[in-house]
Amino acid sequence: VKHLFPHVSIFVFARSESERAFSRELGAAWAGDHDETAPEKLDCIIDTTPVWRPVLGALRNLSPGGRLVINAIGKEEHDKAALTTLDYPSHLWMEKEIKSVANVTRADVADFLTLAAEMQIRPEYQEFALEKANEALIELKMRKIRGAKVLTITSS
């Protein structure tokens, strides 16, 4: 986004401090926890979490007329009750909008890959031999993530 729109500030909400620090390293103007208040109201927020509670924080941080895009394959049920605390004046008033996105299309991926090449994006990743797949899965579960984890298959 900053490549195409250098004047735009990126704000990141993430659960762990390591994810927030990583976001700041990548150029985020601010990074905080899902329950925190951003230093300014935001025009657009994209929620990719599997839970409901961050939706309330996102709506609270949204500017009047702003849009919250929920881009998740599904949402878990365990914190669904958080939605009962939805307060119209603080979460929805002033024409805030909620939009869901079901899937990313092949065209979306092709467009992004073209843009990524133009921007010279260099992803961070950690390789694991296929035999170490369980180790990679444990690290994912324990949220030891920086970039992506990639399984490699070598022929013998």
N, C-alpha and C. Protein backbone atom coordinates (compact mmCIF):
# COMPACT_ATOMS: atom_id res chain seq x y z
N VAL A 1 0.83 -1.19 0.00
CA VAL A 1 0.00 0.00 0.00
C VAL A 1 0.88 1.25 0.00
N LYS A 2 1.91 1.27 0.85
CA LYS A 2 2.77 2.46 0.92
C LYS A 2 3.52 2.71 -0.38
N HIS A 3 3.76 1.65 -1.16
CA HIS A 3 4.45 1.82 -2.44
C HIS A 3 3.58 2.63 -3.41
N LEU A 4 2.29 2.28 -3.46
CA LEU A 4 1.38 2.98 -4.36
C LEU A 4 0.89 4.30 -3.79
N PHE A 5 0.74 4.34 -2.48
CA PHE A 5 0.21 5.53 -1.81
C PHE A 5 1.14 5.91 -0.65
N PRO A 6 2.27 6.55 -0.95
CA PRO A 6 3.27 6.83 0.10
C PRO A 6 2.75 7.72 1.23
N HIS A 7 1.70 8.47 0.99
CA HIS A 7 1.17 9.37 2.03
C HIS A 7 0.28 8.63 3.04
N VAL A 8 -0.02 7.36 2.77
CA VAL A 8 -0.92 6.59 3.63
C VAL A 8 -0.14 6.01 4.81
N SER A 9 -0.72 6.11 5.99
CA SER A 9 -0.13 5.50 7.18
C SER A 9 -0.80 4.15 7.43
N ILE A 10 0.00 3.17 7.79
CA ILE A 10 -0.50 1.83 8.06
C ILE A 10 -0.50 1.61 9.56
N PHE A 11 -1.63 1.18 10.10
CA PHE A 11 -1.78 0.88 11.52
C PHE A 11 -2.08 -0.61 11.64
N VAL A 12 -1.43 -1.28 12.58
CA VAL A 12 -1.58 -2.73 12.72
C VAL A 12 -2.04 -3.07 14.13
N PHE A 13 -3.03 -3.96 14.20
CA PHE A 13 -3.48 -4.51 15.48
C PHE A 13 -3.07 -5.98 15.48
N ALA A 14 -2.33 -6.40 16.49
CA ALA A 14 -1.88 -7.79 16.58
C ALA A 14 -1.81 -8.20 18.05
N ARG A 15 -2.01 -9.48 18.29
CA ARG A 15 -2.03 -9.98 19.67
C ARG A 15 -0.66 -9.94 20.34
N SER A 16 0.37 -10.38 19.67
CA SER A 16 1.67 -10.51 20.34
C SER A 16 2.58 -9.32 20.05
N GLU A 17 3.42 -9.03 21.03
CA GLU A 17 4.37 -7.93 20.87
C GLU A 17 5.35 -8.21 19.73
N SER A 18 5.71 -9.48 19.53
CA SER A 18 6.65 -9.79 18.44
C SER A 18 6.01 -9.48 17.08
N GLU A 19 4.71 -9.75 16.93
CA GLU A 19 4.03 -9.41 15.68
C GLU A 19 3.94 -7.90 15.50
N ARG A 20 3.70 -7.18 16.60
CA ARG A 20 3.63 -5.71 16.52
C ARG A 20 5.00 -5.13 16.16
N ALA A 21 6.06 -5.68 16.76
CA ALA A 21 7.41 -5.20 16.46
C ALA A 21 7.75 -5.48 14.99
N PHE A 22 7.38 -6.65 14.50
CA PHE A 22 7.61 -7.01 13.10
C PHE A 22 6.89 -6.02 12.19
N SER A 23 5.67 -5.66 12.54
CA SER A 23 4.90 -4.70 11.75
C SER A 23 5.59 -3.34 11.70
N ARG A 24 6.11 -2.91 12.84
CA ARG A 24 6.82 -1.63 12.86
C ARG A 24 8.10 -1.70 12.02
N GLU A 25 8.80 -2.84 12.08
CA GLU A 25 10.00 -3.01 11.24
C GLU A 25 9.66 -2.90 9.76
N LEU A 26 8.45 -3.37 9.40
CA LEU A 26 8.03 -3.33 8.00
C LEU A 26 7.46 -1.97 7.60
N GLY A 27 7.43 -1.02 8.55
CA GLY A 27 7.02 0.33 8.19
C GLY A 27 5.68 0.80 8.73
N ALA A 28 5.05 0.02 9.61
CA ALA A 28 3.78 0.47 10.19
C ALA A 28 4.01 1.73 11.00
N ALA A 29 3.11 2.69 10.87
CA ALA A 29 3.20 3.94 11.63
C ALA A 29 2.92 3.69 13.11
N TRP A 30 2.09 2.66 13.39
CA TRP A 30 1.71 2.34 14.76
C TRP A 30 1.30 0.88 14.78
N ALA A 31 1.53 0.22 15.90
CA ALA A 31 1.07 -1.16 16.09
C ALA A 31 0.65 -1.33 17.54
N GLY A 32 -0.53 -1.89 17.74
CA GLY A 32 -1.04 -2.10 19.09
C GLY A 32 -1.85 -3.37 19.17
N ASP A 33 -2.32 -3.68 20.37
CA ASP A 33 -3.15 -4.86 20.59
C ASP A 33 -4.56 -4.57 20.08
N HIS A 34 -5.34 -5.63 19.89
CA HIS A 34 -6.70 -5.48 19.35
C HIS A 34 -7.60 -4.61 20.22
N ASP A 35 -7.33 -4.57 21.52
CA ASP A 35 -8.17 -3.78 22.42
C ASP A 35 -7.71 -2.33 22.55
N GLU A 36 -6.59 -1.99 21.97
CA GLU A 36 -6.06 -0.63 22.10
C GLU A 36 -6.75 0.34 21.16
N THR A 37 -6.58 1.62 21.45
CA THR A 37 -7.12 2.67 20.60
C THR A 37 -5.99 3.24 19.75
N ALA A 38 -6.20 3.25 18.45
CA ALA A 38 -5.20 3.80 17.53
C ALA A 38 -5.05 5.29 17.80
N PRO A 39 -3.91 5.88 17.45
CA PRO A 39 -3.71 7.31 17.70
C PRO A 39 -4.63 8.22 16.88
N GLU A 40 -5.27 7.66 15.88
CA GLU A 40 -6.26 8.42 15.10
C GLU A 40 -7.31 7.46 14.59
N LYS A 41 -8.48 8.00 14.23
CA LYS A 41 -9.54 7.16 13.66
C LYS A 41 -9.10 6.71 12.27
N LEU A 42 -9.50 5.51 11.89
CA LEU A 42 -9.03 4.90 10.65
C LEU A 42 -10.15 4.83 9.61
N ASP A 43 -9.80 5.06 8.35
CA ASP A 43 -10.79 5.05 7.27
C ASP A 43 -11.17 3.64 6.84
N CYS A 44 -10.23 2.72 6.94
CA CYS A 44 -10.49 1.34 6.52
C CYS A 44 -9.70 0.40 7.42
N ILE A 45 -10.34 -0.67 7.84
CA ILE A 45 -9.68 -1.70 8.64
C ILE A 45 -10.00 -3.04 8.01
N ILE A 46 -8.99 -3.89 7.89
CA ILE A 46 -9.19 -5.25 7.39
C ILE A 46 -8.95 -6.21 8.54
N ASP A 47 -9.96 -7.00 8.87
CA ASP A 47 -9.87 -7.98 9.95
C ASP A 47 -9.66 -9.37 9.34
N THR A 48 -8.55 -10.01 9.68
CA THR A 48 -8.27 -11.36 9.17
C THR A 48 -8.24 -12.38 10.30
N THR A 49 -8.75 -12.00 11.46
CA THR A 49 -8.70 -12.89 12.62
C THR A 49 -9.82 -13.92 12.57
N PRO A 50 -9.64 -15.06 13.27
CA PRO A 50 -10.69 -16.08 13.30
C PRO A 50 -11.70 -15.86 14.42
N VAL A 51 -11.59 -14.76 15.17
CA VAL A 51 -12.45 -14.54 16.33
C VAL A 51 -13.23 -13.23 16.18
N TRP A 52 -14.24 -13.06 17.06
CA TRP A 52 -15.16 -11.92 16.95
C TRP A 52 -14.72 -10.69 17.72
N ARG A 53 -14.03 -10.85 18.84
CA ARG A 53 -13.72 -9.71 19.69
C ARG A 53 -12.98 -8.58 18.98
N PRO A 54 -12.02 -8.86 18.11
CA PRO A 54 -11.34 -7.76 17.40
C PRO A 54 -12.27 -6.93 16.51
N VAL A 55 -13.40 -7.49 16.12
CA VAL A 55 -14.36 -6.74 15.30
C VAL A 55 -14.86 -5.52 16.07
N LEU A 56 -15.13 -5.70 17.37
CA LEU A 56 -15.61 -4.58 18.18
C LEU A 56 -14.54 -3.49 18.31
N GLY A 57 -13.30 -3.89 18.54
CA GLY A 57 -12.21 -2.92 18.62
C GLY A 57 -12.03 -2.19 17.30
N ALA A 58 -12.15 -2.93 16.21
CA ALA A 58 -12.01 -2.31 14.89
C ALA A 58 -13.10 -1.27 14.66
N LEU A 59 -14.33 -1.61 14.98
CA LEU A 59 -15.44 -0.66 14.79
C LEU A 59 -15.24 0.58 15.66
N ARG A 60 -14.72 0.40 16.86
CA ARG A 60 -14.47 1.54 17.75
C ARG A 60 -13.38 2.45 17.17
N ASN A 61 -12.42 1.88 16.45
CA ASN A 61 -11.31 2.66 15.86
C ASN A 61 -11.63 3.22 14.48
N LEU A 62 -12.79 2.91 13.95
CA LEU A 62 -13.16 3.33 12.60
C LEU A 62 -13.68 4.76 12.59
N SER A 63 -13.27 5.52 11.59
CA SER A 63 -13.74 6.90 11.45
C SER A 63 -15.16 6.91 10.89
N PRO A 64 -15.89 8.02 11.06
CA PRO A 64 -17.22 8.13 10.45
C PRO A 64 -17.13 7.87 8.94
N GLY A 65 -18.03 7.03 8.44
CA GLY A 65 -18.02 6.69 7.02
C GLY A 65 -16.98 5.65 6.66
N GLY A 66 -16.24 5.16 7.66
CA GLY A 66 -15.19 4.17 7.41
C GLY A 66 -15.74 2.78 7.14
N ARG A 67 -14.88 1.93 6.63
CA ARG A 67 -15.30 0.57 6.27
C ARG A 67 -14.43 -0.47 6.98
N LEU A 68 -15.09 -1.44 7.60
CA LEU A 68 -14.43 -2.60 8.17
C LEU A 68 -14.66 -3.76 7.21
N VAL A 69 -13.58 -4.34 6.71
CA VAL A 69 -13.67 -5.50 5.82
C VAL A 69 -13.25 -6.72 6.63
N ILE A 70 -14.15 -7.69 6.72
CA ILE A 70 -13.83 -8.94 7.41
C ILE A 70 -13.43 -9.95 6.36
N ASN A 71 -12.15 -10.30 6.36
CA ASN A 71 -11.60 -11.23 5.37
C ASN A 71 -11.12 -12.46 6.11
N ALA A 72 -12.04 -13.32 6.46
CA ALA A 72 -11.70 -14.55 7.16
C ALA A 72 -12.56 -15.67 6.59
N ILE A 73 -11.98 -16.85 6.50
CA ILE A 73 -12.72 -18.00 5.98
C ILE A 73 -13.88 -18.32 6.91
N GLY A 74 -13.67 -18.14 8.19
CA GLY A 74 -14.72 -18.39 9.17
C GLY A 74 -14.35 -17.72 10.48
N LYS A 75 -15.31 -17.66 11.37
CA LYS A 75 -15.09 -17.10 12.69
C LYS A 75 -15.43 -18.19 13.71
N GLU A 76 -14.63 -18.27 14.77
CA GLU A 76 -14.87 -19.24 15.83
C GLU A 76 -16.08 -18.83 16.66
N GLU A 77 -16.64 -19.81 17.36
CA GLU A 77 -17.85 -19.57 18.14
C GLU A 77 -17.56 -19.13 19.58
N HIS A 78 -16.37 -19.44 20.11
CA HIS A 78 -16.13 -19.29 21.55
C HIS A 78 -16.28 -17.86 22.06
N ASP A 79 -16.06 -16.85 21.24
CA ASP A 79 -16.20 -15.48 21.74
C ASP A 79 -17.32 -14.71 21.03
N LYS A 80 -18.21 -15.45 20.41
CA LYS A 80 -19.31 -14.82 19.67
C LYS A 80 -20.18 -13.93 20.57
N ALA A 81 -20.25 -14.27 21.85
CA ALA A 81 -21.05 -13.48 22.79
C ALA A 81 -20.53 -12.04 22.89
N ALA A 82 -19.29 -11.80 22.51
CA ALA A 82 -18.74 -10.43 22.54
C ALA A 82 -19.60 -9.49 21.70
N LEU A 83 -20.24 -10.04 20.67
CA LEU A 83 -21.08 -9.20 19.81
C LEU A 83 -22.30 -8.64 20.55
N THR A 84 -22.68 -9.26 21.67
CA THR A 84 -23.82 -8.74 22.43
C THR A 84 -23.49 -7.41 23.09
N THR A 85 -22.21 -7.06 23.14
CA THR A 85 -21.82 -5.76 23.71
C THR A 85 -21.75 -4.67 22.64
N LEU A 86 -22.13 -5.00 21.43
CA LEU A 86 -22.15 -4.02 20.34
C LEU A 86 -23.02 -2.84 20.75
N ASP A 87 -22.46 -1.65 20.67
CA ASP A 87 -23.16 -0.43 21.07
C ASP A 87 -23.30 0.45 19.84
N TYR A 88 -24.52 0.69 19.42
CA TYR A 88 -24.75 1.42 18.18
C TYR A 88 -24.00 2.76 18.11
N PRO A 89 -24.12 3.63 19.13
CA PRO A 89 -23.44 4.94 19.02
C PRO A 89 -21.91 4.84 18.88
N SER A 90 -21.28 3.91 19.62
CA SER A 90 -19.82 3.87 19.57
C SER A 90 -19.26 2.95 18.49
N HIS A 91 -20.04 1.97 18.05
CA HIS A 91 -19.53 1.02 17.07
C HIS A 91 -20.04 1.25 15.64
N LEU A 92 -21.26 1.71 15.47
CA LEU A 92 -21.83 1.78 14.12
C LEU A 92 -22.29 3.16 13.67
N TRP A 93 -22.55 4.06 14.58
CA TRP A 93 -23.11 5.35 14.21
C TRP A 93 -22.18 6.11 13.28
N MET A 94 -22.70 7.02 12.54
CA MET A 94 -21.97 7.86 11.58
C MET A 94 -21.60 7.08 10.32
N GLU A 95 -22.51 6.23 9.90
CA GLU A 95 -22.42 5.54 8.61
C GLU A 95 -21.19 4.66 8.45
N LYS A 96 -20.80 4.02 9.53
CA LYS A 96 -19.72 3.03 9.43
C LYS A 96 -20.26 1.83 8.66
N GLU A 97 -19.38 1.16 7.94
CA GLU A 97 -19.80 0.08 7.05
C GLU A 97 -19.02 -1.19 7.37
N ILE A 98 -19.70 -2.33 7.31
CA ILE A 98 -19.06 -3.63 7.48
C ILE A 98 -19.25 -4.41 6.19
N LYS A 99 -18.17 -4.96 5.67
CA LYS A 99 -18.22 -5.74 4.43
C LYS A 99 -17.45 -7.03 4.66
N SER A 100 -17.98 -8.13 4.13
CA SER A 100 -17.25 -9.39 4.21
C SER A 100 -16.70 -9.75 2.84
N VAL A 101 -15.57 -10.43 2.85
CA VAL A 101 -14.95 -10.90 1.62
C VAL A 101 -14.80 -12.40 1.77
N ALA A 102 -15.42 -13.14 0.87
CA ALA A 102 -15.43 -14.60 1.01
C ALA A 102 -14.11 -15.24 0.61
N ASN A 103 -13.60 -14.89 -0.52
CA ASN A 103 -12.41 -15.55 -1.02
C ASN A 103 -11.57 -14.60 -1.85
N VAL A 104 -10.33 -14.95 -2.00
CA VAL A 104 -9.43 -14.23 -2.90
C VAL A 104 -9.48 -14.97 -4.23
N THR A 105 -9.62 -14.23 -5.31
CA THR A 105 -9.72 -14.86 -6.63
C THR A 105 -8.34 -15.04 -7.25
N ARG A 106 -8.27 -15.84 -8.30
CA ARG A 106 -7.01 -15.99 -9.03
C ARG A 106 -6.54 -14.65 -9.58
N ALA A 107 -7.50 -13.85 -10.04
CA ALA A 107 -7.15 -12.53 -10.57
C ALA A 107 -6.54 -11.66 -9.47
N ASP A 108 -7.09 -11.75 -8.24
CA ASP A 108 -6.53 -11.00 -7.11
C ASP A 108 -5.07 -11.38 -6.88
N VAL A 109 -4.80 -12.69 -6.91
CA VAL A 109 -3.44 -13.17 -6.68
C VAL A 109 -2.52 -12.72 -7.81
N ALA A 110 -2.98 -12.84 -9.05
CA ALA A 110 -2.16 -12.41 -10.20
C ALA A 110 -1.84 -10.92 -10.10
N ASP A 111 -2.85 -10.12 -9.76
CA ASP A 111 -2.64 -8.67 -9.60
C ASP A 111 -1.63 -8.39 -8.49
N PHE A 112 -1.77 -9.10 -7.38
CA PHE A 112 -0.86 -8.87 -6.26
C PHE A 112 0.56 -9.28 -6.61
N LEU A 113 0.73 -10.42 -7.28
CA LEU A 113 2.08 -10.87 -7.64
C LEU A 113 2.76 -9.88 -8.58
N THR A 114 1.99 -9.31 -9.50
CA THR A 114 2.54 -8.28 -10.39
C THR A 114 3.00 -7.07 -9.57
N LEU A 115 2.15 -6.64 -8.66
CA LEU A 115 2.49 -5.51 -7.79
C LEU A 115 3.68 -5.84 -6.89
N ALA A 116 3.70 -7.05 -6.34
CA ALA A 116 4.81 -7.45 -5.46
C ALA A 116 6.14 -7.43 -6.21
N ALA A 117 6.13 -7.87 -7.46
CA ALA A 117 7.36 -7.85 -8.26
C ALA A 117 7.80 -6.41 -8.52
N GLU A 118 6.84 -5.55 -8.83
CA GLU A 118 7.15 -4.14 -9.08
C GLU A 118 7.71 -3.47 -7.83
N MET A 119 7.17 -3.83 -6.68
CA MET A 119 7.60 -3.23 -5.42
C MET A 119 8.85 -3.91 -4.86
N GLN A 120 9.26 -4.97 -5.48
CA GLN A 120 10.41 -5.76 -5.02
C GLN A 120 10.23 -6.25 -3.59
N ILE A 121 9.02 -6.78 -3.32
CA ILE A 121 8.75 -7.36 -2.01
C ILE A 121 9.61 -8.60 -1.83
N ARG A 122 10.26 -8.69 -0.71
CA ARG A 122 11.07 -9.86 -0.38
C ARG A 122 10.47 -10.48 0.89
N PRO A 123 9.71 -11.55 0.73
CA PRO A 123 9.07 -12.14 1.90
C PRO A 123 10.08 -12.75 2.86
N GLU A 124 9.74 -12.73 4.13
CA GLU A 124 10.55 -13.42 5.12
C GLU A 124 9.94 -14.79 5.31
N TYR A 125 10.79 -15.81 5.34
CA TYR A 125 10.29 -17.16 5.52
C TYR A 125 11.35 -18.02 6.18
N GLN A 126 10.89 -19.12 6.73
CA GLN A 126 11.78 -20.08 7.35
C GLN A 126 11.48 -21.44 6.73
N GLU A 127 12.50 -22.11 6.23
CA GLU A 127 12.32 -23.40 5.58
C GLU A 127 12.45 -24.54 6.59
N PHE A 128 11.61 -25.56 6.41
CA PHE A 128 11.66 -26.78 7.20
C PHE A 128 11.65 -27.96 6.23
N ALA A 129 12.52 -28.93 6.48
CA ALA A 129 12.46 -30.17 5.70
C ALA A 129 11.13 -30.85 6.02
N LEU A 130 10.58 -31.57 5.07
CA LEU A 130 9.28 -32.23 5.26
C LEU A 130 9.27 -33.06 6.54
N GLU A 131 10.40 -33.68 6.85
CA GLU A 131 10.48 -34.50 8.07
C GLU A 131 10.29 -33.67 9.33
N LYS A 132 10.46 -32.37 9.24
CA LYS A 132 10.32 -31.48 10.40
C LYS A 132 8.98 -30.73 10.38
N ALA A 133 8.02 -31.26 9.62
CA ALA A 133 6.71 -30.60 9.52
C ALA A 133 6.05 -30.44 10.88
N ASN A 134 6.16 -31.45 11.74
CA ASN A 134 5.55 -31.33 13.07
C ASN A 134 6.16 -30.19 13.87
N GLU A 135 7.47 -30.01 13.75
CA GLU A 135 8.15 -28.90 14.42
C GLU A 135 7.60 -27.55 13.92
N ALA A 136 7.41 -27.44 12.62
CA ALA A 136 6.86 -26.21 12.04
C ALA A 136 5.44 -25.97 12.54
N LEU A 137 4.63 -27.03 12.61
CA LEU A 137 3.26 -26.89 13.09
C LEU A 137 3.22 -26.48 14.56
N ILE A 138 4.12 -27.04 15.36
CA ILE A 138 4.17 -26.66 16.77
C ILE A 138 4.54 -25.19 16.91
N GLU A 139 5.50 -24.73 16.11
CA GLU A 139 5.88 -23.32 16.16
C GLU A 139 4.71 -22.42 15.74
N LEU A 140 3.94 -22.85 14.75
CA LEU A 140 2.76 -22.08 14.35
C LEU A 140 1.77 -22.01 15.51
N LYS A 141 1.51 -23.16 16.13
CA LYS A 141 0.56 -23.20 17.24
C LYS A 141 1.04 -22.33 18.40
N MET A 142 2.35 -22.31 18.64
CA MET A 142 2.92 -21.52 19.73
C MET A 142 3.15 -20.07 19.31
N ARG A 143 2.71 -19.72 18.11
CA ARG A 143 2.79 -18.37 17.56
C ARG A 143 4.23 -17.89 17.41
N LYS A 144 5.14 -18.82 17.13
CA LYS A 144 6.53 -18.46 16.82
C LYS A 144 6.61 -18.23 15.33
N ILE A 145 6.08 -17.08 14.92
CA ILE A 145 5.94 -16.79 13.50
C ILE A 145 6.65 -15.48 13.17
N ARG A 146 7.41 -15.51 12.15
CA ARG A 146 7.96 -14.28 11.58
C ARG A 146 7.97 -14.55 10.08
N GLY A 147 7.07 -13.96 9.38
CA GLY A 147 6.93 -14.26 7.96
C GLY A 147 6.17 -15.56 7.79
N ALA A 148 6.68 -16.45 6.94
CA ALA A 148 5.99 -17.71 6.65
C ALA A 148 6.90 -18.90 6.96
N LYS A 149 6.28 -20.04 7.13
CA LYS A 149 7.01 -21.29 7.28
C LYS A 149 6.77 -22.09 6.02
N VAL A 150 7.86 -22.63 5.44
CA VAL A 150 7.77 -23.34 4.17
C VAL A 150 8.35 -24.74 4.34
N LEU A 151 7.59 -25.74 3.91
CA LEU A 151 8.09 -27.12 3.92
C LEU A 151 8.80 -27.38 2.61
N THR A 152 10.00 -27.97 2.70
CA THR A 152 10.75 -28.29 1.49
C THR A 152 10.83 -29.80 1.33
N ILE A 153 10.71 -30.24 0.10
CA ILE A 153 10.79 -31.66 -0.22
C ILE A 153 12.03 -31.85 -1.08
N THR A 154 12.93 -32.69 -0.61
CA THR A 154 14.14 -32.96 -1.39
C THR A 154 14.10 -34.39 -1.87
N SER A 155 14.55 -34.61 -3.08
CA SER A 155 14.59 -35.97 -3.61
C SER A 155 15.90 -36.61 -3.20
N SER A 156 15.83 -37.93 -2.90
CA SER A 156 17.06 -38.60 -2.47
C SER A 156 17.74 -39.30 -3.61
